[in-house]
Amino acid sequence: MGHELRPCDVAIGLGSHDLGVAAETADLFLRGLAKRIVFTGGPNPSRPDHFPRGEAVHFAEHAVSLGVPESAVLIEPRARNTGQNIDFSRQVLTEAEVEVSSVLLVSMPYMERRAFATCRQVWPEVEAVCASTPMDLHDYVKTIGDDALVIDSLVGDLQRVIEYPKLGFAVAQEVPERVLDAYQRLIAEGFTSRLLT
């Protein structure tokens, strides 16, 4: 989304198939951009064997291995979608008595817009700043190692940006015509495994 990074009360590492989210969250914390971290996410539906104990647990362990103190990390292991990631993280922070007025939402690069729109709907009273590992699409596909998974995920994520506001899950976001055209072409080419049913 092009948000300018700034210090926030907490970083929320949104669970996914991409361990790079944990590494980026750890880096942002170690650079002083957050005082606490919440890793959120249960078992990953697209790669259940990748994080068998749930995304949040594996992400937290990875961040600690990169130098984040365990005492700075909270784990939310139940969420199964972005709305739950944010809502359940808020609950964990409330239970830990952490006051929050700003959050650094750390996600996969293509998920920033949906994370932002969801946060605006679910937790509108906080200021949300989005972050992800800065890289171009080609490099991102190489880090994941599965072209079809990335393209399917991009298509599914854009569908959610379009459809979730109609369901009350997120605030509406403008989607440029050229992006909608590319989205339709990718669906026509069969990149549909991550579409809502």
N, C-alpha and C. Protein backbone atom coordinates (compact mmCIF):
# COMPACT_ATOMS: atom_id res chain seq x y z
N MET A 1 0.82 -1.20 0.00
CA MET A 1 0.00 0.00 0.00
C MET A 1 0.85 1.25 0.00
N GLY A 2 2.14 1.10 0.20
CA GLY A 2 3.01 2.26 0.18
C GLY A 2 2.97 3.09 1.45
N HIS A 3 2.53 2.50 2.56
CA HIS A 3 2.52 3.24 3.82
C HIS A 3 3.95 3.54 4.26
N GLU A 4 4.14 4.72 4.78
CA GLU A 4 5.44 5.06 5.34
C GLU A 4 5.54 4.43 6.72
N LEU A 5 6.59 3.66 6.94
CA LEU A 5 6.76 2.98 8.22
C LEU A 5 7.03 4.00 9.31
N ARG A 6 6.44 3.75 10.46
CA ARG A 6 6.67 4.58 11.64
C ARG A 6 6.45 3.71 12.86
N PRO A 7 6.99 4.10 14.01
CA PRO A 7 6.79 3.30 15.21
C PRO A 7 5.30 3.17 15.56
N CYS A 8 4.91 1.95 15.94
CA CYS A 8 3.54 1.65 16.36
C CYS A 8 3.60 0.93 17.70
N ASP A 9 2.47 0.87 18.38
CA ASP A 9 2.42 0.21 19.68
C ASP A 9 2.72 -1.28 19.58
N VAL A 10 2.22 -1.90 18.51
CA VAL A 10 2.37 -3.34 18.37
C VAL A 10 2.45 -3.70 16.89
N ALA A 11 3.20 -4.75 16.60
CA ALA A 11 3.22 -5.33 15.25
C ALA A 11 2.40 -6.61 15.31
N ILE A 12 1.53 -6.79 14.33
CA ILE A 12 0.75 -8.02 14.23
C ILE A 12 1.23 -8.75 12.98
N GLY A 13 1.88 -9.88 13.18
CA GLY A 13 2.33 -10.73 12.08
C GLY A 13 1.20 -11.66 11.69
N LEU A 14 0.61 -11.40 10.53
CA LEU A 14 -0.55 -12.17 10.08
C LEU A 14 -0.11 -13.51 9.52
N GLY A 15 -0.69 -14.56 10.05
CA GLY A 15 -0.35 -15.91 9.63
C GLY A 15 -0.61 -16.14 8.16
N SER A 16 0.21 -17.02 7.57
CA SER A 16 0.11 -17.32 6.14
C SER A 16 1.03 -18.49 5.83
N HIS A 17 1.17 -18.80 4.53
CA HIS A 17 2.10 -19.85 4.12
C HIS A 17 3.53 -19.33 4.01
N ASP A 18 3.74 -18.03 4.29
CA ASP A 18 5.02 -17.36 4.03
C ASP A 18 5.75 -17.02 5.33
N LEU A 19 6.78 -17.78 5.67
CA LEU A 19 7.57 -17.54 6.87
C LEU A 19 8.30 -16.20 6.80
N GLY A 20 8.39 -15.62 5.61
CA GLY A 20 8.98 -14.29 5.47
C GLY A 20 8.24 -13.23 6.27
N VAL A 21 6.94 -13.45 6.53
CA VAL A 21 6.17 -12.52 7.35
C VAL A 21 6.76 -12.47 8.76
N ALA A 22 7.13 -13.62 9.30
CA ALA A 22 7.73 -13.67 10.63
C ALA A 22 9.08 -12.95 10.64
N ALA A 23 9.88 -13.17 9.60
CA ALA A 23 11.19 -12.53 9.52
C ALA A 23 11.05 -11.00 9.40
N GLU A 24 10.10 -10.55 8.59
CA GLU A 24 9.89 -9.11 8.43
C GLU A 24 9.38 -8.50 9.74
N THR A 25 8.48 -9.19 10.41
CA THR A 25 7.97 -8.69 11.70
C THR A 25 9.11 -8.58 12.71
N ALA A 26 9.96 -9.59 12.76
CA ALA A 26 11.11 -9.56 13.67
C ALA A 26 12.03 -8.39 13.33
N ASP A 27 12.30 -8.19 12.05
CA ASP A 27 13.17 -7.09 11.64
C ASP A 27 12.59 -5.73 12.04
N LEU A 28 11.30 -5.55 11.82
CA LEU A 28 10.66 -4.29 12.20
C LEU A 28 10.72 -4.06 13.71
N PHE A 29 10.51 -5.11 14.48
CA PHE A 29 10.63 -5.02 15.94
C PHE A 29 12.05 -4.65 16.33
N LEU A 30 13.03 -5.35 15.78
CA LEU A 30 14.43 -5.11 16.14
C LEU A 30 14.90 -3.72 15.71
N ARG A 31 14.23 -3.13 14.71
CA ARG A 31 14.54 -1.76 14.29
C ARG A 31 13.79 -0.72 15.14
N GLY A 32 13.04 -1.17 16.14
CA GLY A 32 12.36 -0.27 17.04
C GLY A 32 11.03 0.26 16.56
N LEU A 33 10.41 -0.41 15.59
CA LEU A 33 9.14 0.07 15.03
C LEU A 33 7.91 -0.50 15.75
N ALA A 34 8.13 -1.37 16.74
CA ALA A 34 7.02 -1.88 17.55
C ALA A 34 7.57 -2.28 18.92
N LYS A 35 6.71 -2.13 19.94
CA LYS A 35 7.12 -2.47 21.31
C LYS A 35 6.80 -3.93 21.64
N ARG A 36 5.79 -4.47 20.98
CA ARG A 36 5.37 -5.85 21.19
C ARG A 36 5.00 -6.45 19.84
N ILE A 37 4.93 -7.77 19.80
CA ILE A 37 4.53 -8.50 18.60
C ILE A 37 3.41 -9.47 18.98
N VAL A 38 2.41 -9.56 18.11
CA VAL A 38 1.45 -10.66 18.18
C VAL A 38 1.59 -11.43 16.88
N PHE A 39 1.82 -12.73 16.99
CA PHE A 39 1.74 -13.60 15.82
C PHE A 39 0.41 -14.31 15.90
N THR A 40 -0.31 -14.31 14.80
CA THR A 40 -1.67 -14.82 14.80
C THR A 40 -1.87 -15.80 13.65
N GLY A 41 -2.55 -16.89 13.93
CA GLY A 41 -2.89 -17.85 12.89
C GLY A 41 -2.83 -19.28 13.37
N GLY A 42 -3.85 -20.03 12.98
CA GLY A 42 -3.91 -21.45 13.28
C GLY A 42 -3.28 -22.26 12.15
N PRO A 43 -3.74 -23.48 11.95
CA PRO A 43 -3.22 -24.32 10.88
C PRO A 43 -3.43 -23.66 9.51
N ASN A 44 -2.45 -23.79 8.62
CA ASN A 44 -2.54 -23.17 7.30
C ASN A 44 -3.26 -24.08 6.33
N PRO A 45 -4.37 -23.59 5.72
CA PRO A 45 -5.14 -24.45 4.82
C PRO A 45 -4.42 -24.79 3.52
N SER A 46 -3.55 -23.89 3.02
CA SER A 46 -2.89 -24.18 1.74
C SER A 46 -1.63 -25.03 1.90
N ARG A 47 -1.06 -25.05 3.10
CA ARG A 47 0.13 -25.86 3.37
C ARG A 47 0.06 -26.44 4.79
N PRO A 48 -0.88 -27.36 5.05
CA PRO A 48 -1.05 -27.86 6.42
C PRO A 48 0.19 -28.55 6.98
N ASP A 49 1.00 -29.13 6.12
CA ASP A 49 2.21 -29.81 6.57
C ASP A 49 3.35 -28.84 6.84
N HIS A 50 3.23 -27.62 6.35
CA HIS A 50 4.30 -26.62 6.48
C HIS A 50 4.43 -26.10 7.91
N PHE A 51 3.31 -25.84 8.57
CA PHE A 51 3.29 -25.35 9.95
C PHE A 51 2.34 -26.22 10.77
N PRO A 52 2.74 -27.44 11.10
CA PRO A 52 1.82 -28.39 11.74
C PRO A 52 1.28 -27.93 13.10
N ARG A 53 2.00 -27.06 13.80
CA ARG A 53 1.52 -26.58 15.11
C ARG A 53 0.82 -25.22 14.99
N GLY A 54 0.56 -24.81 13.76
CA GLY A 54 -0.12 -23.54 13.53
C GLY A 54 0.86 -22.44 13.16
N GLU A 55 0.38 -21.51 12.37
CA GLU A 55 1.22 -20.42 11.87
C GLU A 55 1.82 -19.59 13.00
N ALA A 56 1.00 -19.19 13.96
CA ALA A 56 1.47 -18.29 15.03
C ALA A 56 2.63 -18.91 15.81
N VAL A 57 2.54 -20.17 16.13
CA VAL A 57 3.58 -20.84 16.92
C VAL A 57 4.89 -20.87 16.13
N HIS A 58 4.82 -21.29 14.87
CA HIS A 58 6.03 -21.37 14.05
C HIS A 58 6.61 -19.97 13.78
N PHE A 59 5.74 -19.00 13.52
CA PHE A 59 6.21 -17.63 13.28
C PHE A 59 6.93 -17.09 14.52
N ALA A 60 6.35 -17.32 15.70
CA ALA A 60 6.96 -16.83 16.94
C ALA A 60 8.33 -17.47 17.17
N GLU A 61 8.41 -18.78 16.95
CA GLU A 61 9.70 -19.47 17.12
C GLU A 61 10.74 -18.90 16.16
N HIS A 62 10.33 -18.63 14.94
CA HIS A 62 11.28 -18.09 13.95
C HIS A 62 11.74 -16.70 14.38
N ALA A 63 10.82 -15.86 14.84
CA ALA A 63 11.19 -14.51 15.27
C ALA A 63 12.16 -14.56 16.45
N VAL A 64 11.91 -15.44 17.39
CA VAL A 64 12.81 -15.58 18.54
C VAL A 64 14.19 -16.04 18.07
N SER A 65 14.23 -16.95 17.09
CA SER A 65 15.52 -17.41 16.56
C SER A 65 16.28 -16.29 15.86
N LEU A 66 15.56 -15.23 15.47
CA LEU A 66 16.19 -14.07 14.81
C LEU A 66 16.56 -12.96 15.80
N GLY A 67 16.33 -13.21 17.09
CA GLY A 67 16.76 -12.25 18.11
C GLY A 67 15.67 -11.51 18.85
N VAL A 68 14.41 -11.77 18.55
CA VAL A 68 13.32 -11.11 19.28
C VAL A 68 13.19 -11.79 20.65
N PRO A 69 13.15 -11.03 21.73
CA PRO A 69 12.98 -11.66 23.05
C PRO A 69 11.61 -12.33 23.18
N GLU A 70 11.59 -13.52 23.76
CA GLU A 70 10.31 -14.22 23.95
C GLU A 70 9.30 -13.37 24.69
N SER A 71 9.79 -12.54 25.61
CA SER A 71 8.90 -11.72 26.43
C SER A 71 8.17 -10.65 25.63
N ALA A 72 8.64 -10.37 24.43
CA ALA A 72 8.01 -9.35 23.57
C ALA A 72 6.93 -9.95 22.67
N VAL A 73 6.80 -11.29 22.68
CA VAL A 73 5.93 -11.96 21.72
C VAL A 73 4.69 -12.54 22.40
N LEU A 74 3.54 -12.25 21.81
CA LEU A 74 2.28 -12.88 22.19
C LEU A 74 1.84 -13.77 21.03
N ILE A 75 1.18 -14.88 21.37
CA ILE A 75 0.75 -15.84 20.34
C ILE A 75 -0.78 -15.95 20.36
N GLU A 76 -1.37 -15.83 19.19
CA GLU A 76 -2.81 -16.02 19.01
C GLU A 76 -2.96 -17.19 18.02
N PRO A 77 -3.26 -18.41 18.51
CA PRO A 77 -3.19 -19.59 17.65
C PRO A 77 -4.51 -20.08 17.05
N ARG A 78 -5.60 -19.30 17.15
CA ARG A 78 -6.90 -19.83 16.73
C ARG A 78 -7.40 -19.28 15.40
N ALA A 79 -6.93 -18.12 14.98
CA ALA A 79 -7.50 -17.44 13.81
C ALA A 79 -7.37 -18.28 12.54
N ARG A 80 -8.43 -18.21 11.72
CA ARG A 80 -8.46 -18.94 10.45
C ARG A 80 -8.71 -18.02 9.27
N ASN A 81 -8.85 -16.71 9.53
CA ASN A 81 -9.01 -15.74 8.45
C ASN A 81 -8.53 -14.38 8.95
N THR A 82 -8.46 -13.42 8.07
CA THR A 82 -7.87 -12.13 8.41
C THR A 82 -8.70 -11.38 9.46
N GLY A 83 -10.02 -11.46 9.35
CA GLY A 83 -10.86 -10.82 10.36
C GLY A 83 -10.58 -11.38 11.75
N GLN A 84 -10.47 -12.69 11.83
CA GLN A 84 -10.15 -13.32 13.12
C GLN A 84 -8.73 -12.97 13.55
N ASN A 85 -7.78 -12.91 12.60
CA ASN A 85 -6.42 -12.51 12.96
C ASN A 85 -6.43 -11.21 13.74
N ILE A 86 -7.17 -10.25 13.22
CA ILE A 86 -7.18 -8.92 13.84
C ILE A 86 -8.02 -8.91 15.11
N ASP A 87 -9.21 -9.47 15.06
CA ASP A 87 -10.10 -9.48 16.22
C ASP A 87 -9.49 -10.27 17.38
N PHE A 88 -8.99 -11.46 17.10
CA PHE A 88 -8.41 -12.29 18.15
C PHE A 88 -7.11 -11.67 18.69
N SER A 89 -6.33 -11.00 17.83
CA SER A 89 -5.12 -10.31 18.30
C SER A 89 -5.50 -9.19 19.27
N ARG A 90 -6.55 -8.48 18.93
CA ARG A 90 -7.02 -7.42 19.84
C ARG A 90 -7.39 -8.02 21.19
N GLN A 91 -8.06 -9.18 21.20
CA GLN A 91 -8.42 -9.83 22.46
C GLN A 91 -7.19 -10.22 23.26
N VAL A 92 -6.18 -10.79 22.58
CA VAL A 92 -4.94 -11.19 23.25
C VAL A 92 -4.25 -9.97 23.86
N LEU A 93 -4.22 -8.88 23.13
CA LEU A 93 -3.58 -7.65 23.64
C LEU A 93 -4.35 -7.08 24.82
N THR A 94 -5.68 -7.13 24.77
CA THR A 94 -6.49 -6.66 25.90
C THR A 94 -6.23 -7.50 27.14
N GLU A 95 -6.19 -8.83 26.96
CA GLU A 95 -5.92 -9.74 28.09
C GLU A 95 -4.54 -9.50 28.67
N ALA A 96 -3.57 -9.11 27.83
CA ALA A 96 -2.20 -8.84 28.29
C ALA A 96 -2.06 -7.40 28.81
N GLU A 97 -3.16 -6.67 28.79
CA GLU A 97 -3.19 -5.28 29.25
C GLU A 97 -2.22 -4.38 28.48
N VAL A 98 -2.16 -4.60 27.17
CA VAL A 98 -1.35 -3.77 26.29
C VAL A 98 -2.27 -2.73 25.67
N GLU A 99 -1.97 -1.46 25.91
CA GLU A 99 -2.76 -0.38 25.32
C GLU A 99 -2.31 -0.17 23.88
N VAL A 100 -3.29 -0.07 22.98
CA VAL A 100 -2.97 0.00 21.55
C VAL A 100 -3.75 1.14 20.90
N SER A 101 -3.00 2.04 20.26
CA SER A 101 -3.65 3.06 19.43
C SER A 101 -3.16 2.96 17.98
N SER A 102 -2.07 2.21 17.77
CA SER A 102 -1.56 2.03 16.41
C SER A 102 -1.01 0.61 16.25
N VAL A 103 -1.24 0.04 15.07
CA VAL A 103 -0.76 -1.31 14.78
C VAL A 103 0.00 -1.33 13.47
N LEU A 104 1.04 -2.10 13.46
CA LEU A 104 1.81 -2.36 12.26
C LEU A 104 1.36 -3.73 11.77
N LEU A 105 0.59 -3.76 10.68
CA LEU A 105 0.08 -5.02 10.13
C LEU A 105 1.11 -5.57 9.16
N VAL A 106 1.70 -6.70 9.49
CA VAL A 106 2.75 -7.28 8.66
C VAL A 106 2.17 -8.51 7.97
N SER A 107 2.25 -8.51 6.64
CA SER A 107 1.62 -9.57 5.85
C SER A 107 2.48 -9.89 4.64
N MET A 108 1.96 -10.79 3.82
CA MET A 108 2.57 -11.03 2.51
C MET A 108 2.37 -9.75 1.69
N PRO A 109 3.27 -9.47 0.74
CA PRO A 109 3.15 -8.21 -0.01
C PRO A 109 1.79 -7.99 -0.66
N TYR A 110 1.23 -9.02 -1.27
CA TYR A 110 -0.03 -8.84 -1.99
C TYR A 110 -1.24 -8.75 -1.06
N MET A 111 -1.04 -8.96 0.22
CA MET A 111 -2.16 -8.99 1.16
C MET A 111 -2.34 -7.68 1.94
N GLU A 112 -1.46 -6.73 1.75
CA GLU A 112 -1.52 -5.49 2.54
C GLU A 112 -2.88 -4.80 2.43
N ARG A 113 -3.39 -4.65 1.21
CA ARG A 113 -4.64 -3.92 1.01
C ARG A 113 -5.80 -4.59 1.75
N ARG A 114 -5.88 -5.91 1.66
CA ARG A 114 -6.96 -6.62 2.34
C ARG A 114 -6.79 -6.54 3.85
N ALA A 115 -5.57 -6.65 4.34
CA ALA A 115 -5.33 -6.53 5.78
C ALA A 115 -5.77 -5.15 6.27
N PHE A 116 -5.42 -4.12 5.53
CA PHE A 116 -5.80 -2.75 5.90
C PHE A 116 -7.32 -2.59 5.91
N ALA A 117 -7.98 -3.03 4.84
CA ALA A 117 -9.43 -2.90 4.73
C ALA A 117 -10.14 -3.68 5.84
N THR A 118 -9.61 -4.83 6.18
CA THR A 118 -10.21 -5.64 7.25
C THR A 118 -10.02 -4.96 8.60
N CYS A 119 -8.84 -4.44 8.86
CA CYS A 119 -8.58 -3.76 10.13
C CYS A 119 -9.48 -2.53 10.28
N ARG A 120 -9.66 -1.78 9.20
CA ARG A 120 -10.54 -0.60 9.26
C ARG A 120 -11.96 -1.00 9.63
N GLN A 121 -12.39 -2.18 9.22
CA GLN A 121 -13.74 -2.66 9.53
C GLN A 121 -13.82 -3.24 10.95
N VAL A 122 -12.86 -4.07 11.30
CA VAL A 122 -12.92 -4.84 12.55
C VAL A 122 -12.42 -4.04 13.76
N TRP A 123 -11.43 -3.16 13.54
CA TRP A 123 -10.81 -2.43 14.64
C TRP A 123 -10.58 -0.98 14.20
N PRO A 124 -11.67 -0.26 13.92
CA PRO A 124 -11.55 1.06 13.30
C PRO A 124 -10.89 2.13 14.17
N GLU A 125 -10.87 1.91 15.48
CA GLU A 125 -10.31 2.94 16.36
C GLU A 125 -8.79 2.97 16.41
N VAL A 126 -8.11 1.99 15.80
CA VAL A 126 -6.64 2.03 15.77
C VAL A 126 -6.15 2.55 14.42
N GLU A 127 -4.98 3.13 14.45
CA GLU A 127 -4.34 3.53 13.20
C GLU A 127 -3.57 2.32 12.69
N ALA A 128 -3.83 1.93 11.45
CA ALA A 128 -3.18 0.77 10.86
C ALA A 128 -2.13 1.21 9.85
N VAL A 129 -0.92 0.69 10.01
CA VAL A 129 0.17 0.91 9.06
C VAL A 129 0.55 -0.46 8.51
N CYS A 130 0.55 -0.60 7.20
CA CYS A 130 0.83 -1.90 6.58
C CYS A 130 2.30 -2.03 6.19
N ALA A 131 2.81 -3.24 6.33
CA ALA A 131 4.21 -3.51 5.97
C ALA A 131 4.32 -4.93 5.45
N SER A 132 5.28 -5.12 4.58
CA SER A 132 5.64 -6.45 4.08
C SER A 132 7.08 -6.38 3.60
N THR A 133 7.65 -7.52 3.34
CA THR A 133 9.02 -7.54 2.83
C THR A 133 9.04 -6.87 1.45
N PRO A 134 9.85 -5.83 1.30
CA PRO A 134 9.87 -5.16 -0.01
C PRO A 134 10.58 -6.02 -1.06
N MET A 135 9.83 -6.42 -2.08
CA MET A 135 10.41 -7.18 -3.19
C MET A 135 9.43 -7.18 -4.35
N ASP A 136 9.97 -7.41 -5.55
CA ASP A 136 9.07 -7.46 -6.71
C ASP A 136 8.46 -8.86 -6.82
N LEU A 137 7.46 -8.97 -7.69
CA LEU A 137 6.71 -10.22 -7.83
C LEU A 137 7.61 -11.39 -8.18
N HIS A 138 8.53 -11.20 -9.12
CA HIS A 138 9.43 -12.29 -9.54
C HIS A 138 10.21 -12.83 -8.35
N ASP A 139 10.78 -11.93 -7.54
CA ASP A 139 11.56 -12.37 -6.38
C ASP A 139 10.66 -13.04 -5.34
N TYR A 140 9.44 -12.53 -5.18
CA TYR A 140 8.52 -13.13 -4.22
C TYR A 140 8.17 -14.56 -4.63
N VAL A 141 7.88 -14.76 -5.91
CA VAL A 141 7.56 -16.11 -6.40
C VAL A 141 8.74 -17.04 -6.13
N LYS A 142 9.96 -16.57 -6.33
CA LYS A 142 11.14 -17.40 -6.07
C LYS A 142 11.23 -17.78 -4.59
N THR A 143 10.90 -16.86 -3.69
CA THR A 143 11.00 -17.19 -2.26
C THR A 143 9.97 -18.23 -1.84
N ILE A 144 8.81 -18.22 -2.47
CA ILE A 144 7.76 -19.18 -2.14
C ILE A 144 8.02 -20.51 -2.84
N GLY A 145 8.53 -20.46 -4.07
CA GLY A 145 8.88 -21.68 -4.78
C GLY A 145 7.72 -22.40 -5.44
N ASP A 146 6.59 -21.72 -5.58
CA ASP A 146 5.42 -22.35 -6.19
C ASP A 146 4.64 -21.28 -6.94
N ASP A 147 4.92 -21.17 -8.25
CA ASP A 147 4.29 -20.12 -9.07
C ASP A 147 2.77 -20.17 -9.00
N ALA A 148 2.20 -21.36 -9.15
CA ALA A 148 0.75 -21.49 -9.18
C ALA A 148 0.13 -21.07 -7.85
N LEU A 149 0.75 -21.45 -6.73
CA LEU A 149 0.24 -21.06 -5.42
C LEU A 149 0.20 -19.54 -5.29
N VAL A 150 1.26 -18.88 -5.71
CA VAL A 150 1.31 -17.41 -5.59
C VAL A 150 0.24 -16.77 -6.47
N ILE A 151 0.12 -17.21 -7.71
CA ILE A 151 -0.88 -16.60 -8.60
C ILE A 151 -2.29 -16.90 -8.11
N ASP A 152 -2.55 -18.15 -7.72
CA ASP A 152 -3.86 -18.48 -7.15
C ASP A 152 -4.15 -17.62 -5.92
N SER A 153 -3.15 -17.41 -5.08
CA SER A 153 -3.32 -16.60 -3.87
C SER A 153 -3.59 -15.14 -4.21
N LEU A 154 -2.88 -14.62 -5.21
CA LEU A 154 -3.12 -13.24 -5.66
C LEU A 154 -4.56 -13.06 -6.14
N VAL A 155 -5.02 -14.00 -6.94
CA VAL A 155 -6.39 -13.94 -7.48
C VAL A 155 -7.40 -14.04 -6.34
N GLY A 156 -7.20 -15.00 -5.42
CA GLY A 156 -8.11 -15.16 -4.29
C GLY A 156 -8.11 -13.94 -3.38
N ASP A 157 -6.95 -13.34 -3.19
CA ASP A 157 -6.88 -12.17 -2.33
C ASP A 157 -7.62 -10.99 -2.95
N LEU A 158 -7.46 -10.79 -4.25
CA LEU A 158 -8.17 -9.70 -4.91
C LEU A 158 -9.68 -9.93 -4.87
N GLN A 159 -10.10 -11.17 -5.05
CA GLN A 159 -11.53 -11.46 -4.95
C GLN A 159 -12.06 -11.04 -3.57
N ARG A 160 -11.30 -11.30 -2.54
CA ARG A 160 -11.73 -10.92 -1.19
C ARG A 160 -11.77 -9.40 -1.02
N VAL A 161 -10.82 -8.69 -1.62
CA VAL A 161 -10.85 -7.22 -1.58
C VAL A 161 -12.14 -6.72 -2.21
N ILE A 162 -12.57 -7.37 -3.28
CA ILE A 162 -13.79 -6.97 -3.99
C ILE A 162 -15.05 -7.39 -3.23
N GLU A 163 -15.09 -8.63 -2.75
CA GLU A 163 -16.32 -9.19 -2.20
C GLU A 163 -16.54 -8.95 -0.70
N TYR A 164 -15.49 -8.90 0.08
CA TYR A 164 -15.66 -8.80 1.53
C TYR A 164 -16.40 -7.54 1.99
N PRO A 165 -16.22 -6.39 1.35
CA PRO A 165 -17.02 -5.23 1.78
C PRO A 165 -18.53 -5.47 1.66
N LYS A 166 -18.94 -6.21 0.64
CA LYS A 166 -20.36 -6.52 0.46
C LYS A 166 -20.90 -7.39 1.59
N LEU A 167 -20.01 -8.14 2.23
CA LEU A 167 -20.39 -9.04 3.32
C LEU A 167 -20.17 -8.41 4.70
N GLY A 168 -19.64 -7.18 4.72
CA GLY A 168 -19.38 -6.50 5.98
C GLY A 168 -18.09 -6.90 6.66
N PHE A 169 -17.19 -7.59 5.94
CA PHE A 169 -15.93 -8.06 6.52
C PHE A 169 -14.80 -7.04 6.41
N ALA A 170 -14.95 -6.06 5.51
CA ALA A 170 -13.87 -5.10 5.24
C ALA A 170 -14.48 -3.83 4.67
N VAL A 171 -13.71 -2.74 4.74
CA VAL A 171 -14.17 -1.51 4.09
C VAL A 171 -13.84 -1.62 2.60
N ALA A 172 -14.59 -0.90 1.78
CA ALA A 172 -14.39 -0.95 0.33
C ALA A 172 -13.07 -0.30 -0.06
N GLN A 173 -12.44 -0.87 -1.07
CA GLN A 173 -11.20 -0.35 -1.63
C GLN A 173 -11.40 -0.17 -3.13
N GLU A 174 -10.84 0.88 -3.70
CA GLU A 174 -10.93 1.08 -5.14
C GLU A 174 -10.00 0.10 -5.85
N VAL A 175 -10.51 -0.57 -6.87
CA VAL A 175 -9.71 -1.50 -7.66
C VAL A 175 -9.65 -0.96 -9.08
N PRO A 176 -8.47 -0.59 -9.56
CA PRO A 176 -8.36 -0.03 -10.92
C PRO A 176 -8.85 -1.01 -12.00
N GLU A 177 -9.35 -0.46 -13.08
CA GLU A 177 -9.90 -1.26 -14.19
C GLU A 177 -8.87 -2.24 -14.74
N ARG A 178 -7.62 -1.81 -14.88
CA ARG A 178 -6.59 -2.71 -15.44
C ARG A 178 -6.32 -3.89 -14.52
N VAL A 179 -6.48 -3.68 -13.21
CA VAL A 179 -6.32 -4.77 -12.26
C VAL A 179 -7.49 -5.74 -12.38
N LEU A 180 -8.69 -5.22 -12.52
CA LEU A 180 -9.87 -6.08 -12.72
C LEU A 180 -9.75 -6.89 -14.01
N ASP A 181 -9.22 -6.26 -15.07
CA ASP A 181 -9.03 -6.98 -16.33
C ASP A 181 -8.04 -8.14 -16.16
N ALA A 182 -6.92 -7.88 -15.49
CA ALA A 182 -5.93 -8.93 -15.25
C ALA A 182 -6.53 -10.05 -14.39
N TYR A 183 -7.29 -9.67 -13.39
CA TYR A 183 -7.97 -10.63 -12.50
C TYR A 183 -8.87 -11.56 -13.32
N GLN A 184 -9.68 -11.00 -14.21
CA GLN A 184 -10.58 -11.81 -15.04
C GLN A 184 -9.80 -12.74 -15.97
N ARG A 185 -8.70 -12.24 -16.53
CA ARG A 185 -7.86 -13.08 -17.41
C ARG A 185 -7.27 -14.26 -16.64
N LEU A 186 -6.78 -14.01 -15.43
CA LEU A 186 -6.19 -15.09 -14.64
C LEU A 186 -7.24 -16.13 -14.24
N ILE A 187 -8.44 -15.68 -13.92
CA ILE A 187 -9.52 -16.64 -13.63
C ILE A 187 -9.81 -17.47 -14.87
N ALA A 188 -9.89 -16.83 -16.04
CA ALA A 188 -10.16 -17.54 -17.29
C ALA A 188 -9.05 -18.56 -17.61
N GLU A 189 -7.82 -18.26 -17.16
CA GLU A 189 -6.70 -19.18 -17.38
C GLU A 189 -6.63 -20.29 -16.34
N GLY A 190 -7.57 -20.30 -15.38
CA GLY A 190 -7.66 -21.41 -14.45
C GLY A 190 -7.06 -21.19 -13.07
N PHE A 191 -6.66 -19.99 -12.75
CA PHE A 191 -6.08 -19.73 -11.42
C PHE A 191 -7.24 -19.46 -10.44
N THR A 192 -7.89 -20.54 -10.02
CA THR A 192 -9.13 -20.42 -9.25
C THR A 192 -9.12 -21.19 -7.93
N SER A 193 -8.03 -21.82 -7.57
CA SER A 193 -8.06 -22.70 -6.39
C SER A 193 -8.26 -21.95 -5.08
N ARG A 194 -8.00 -20.65 -5.05
CA ARG A 194 -8.16 -19.88 -3.80
C ARG A 194 -9.37 -18.96 -3.84
N LEU A 195 -10.23 -19.15 -4.84
CA LEU A 195 -11.45 -18.33 -4.92
C LEU A 195 -12.46 -18.76 -3.88
N LEU A 196 -13.26 -17.81 -3.42
CA LEU A 196 -14.37 -18.12 -2.53
C LEU A 196 -15.39 -18.94 -3.30
N THR A 197 -16.07 -19.83 -2.63
CA THR A 197 -17.09 -20.64 -3.32
C THR A 197 -18.47 -20.06 -3.11
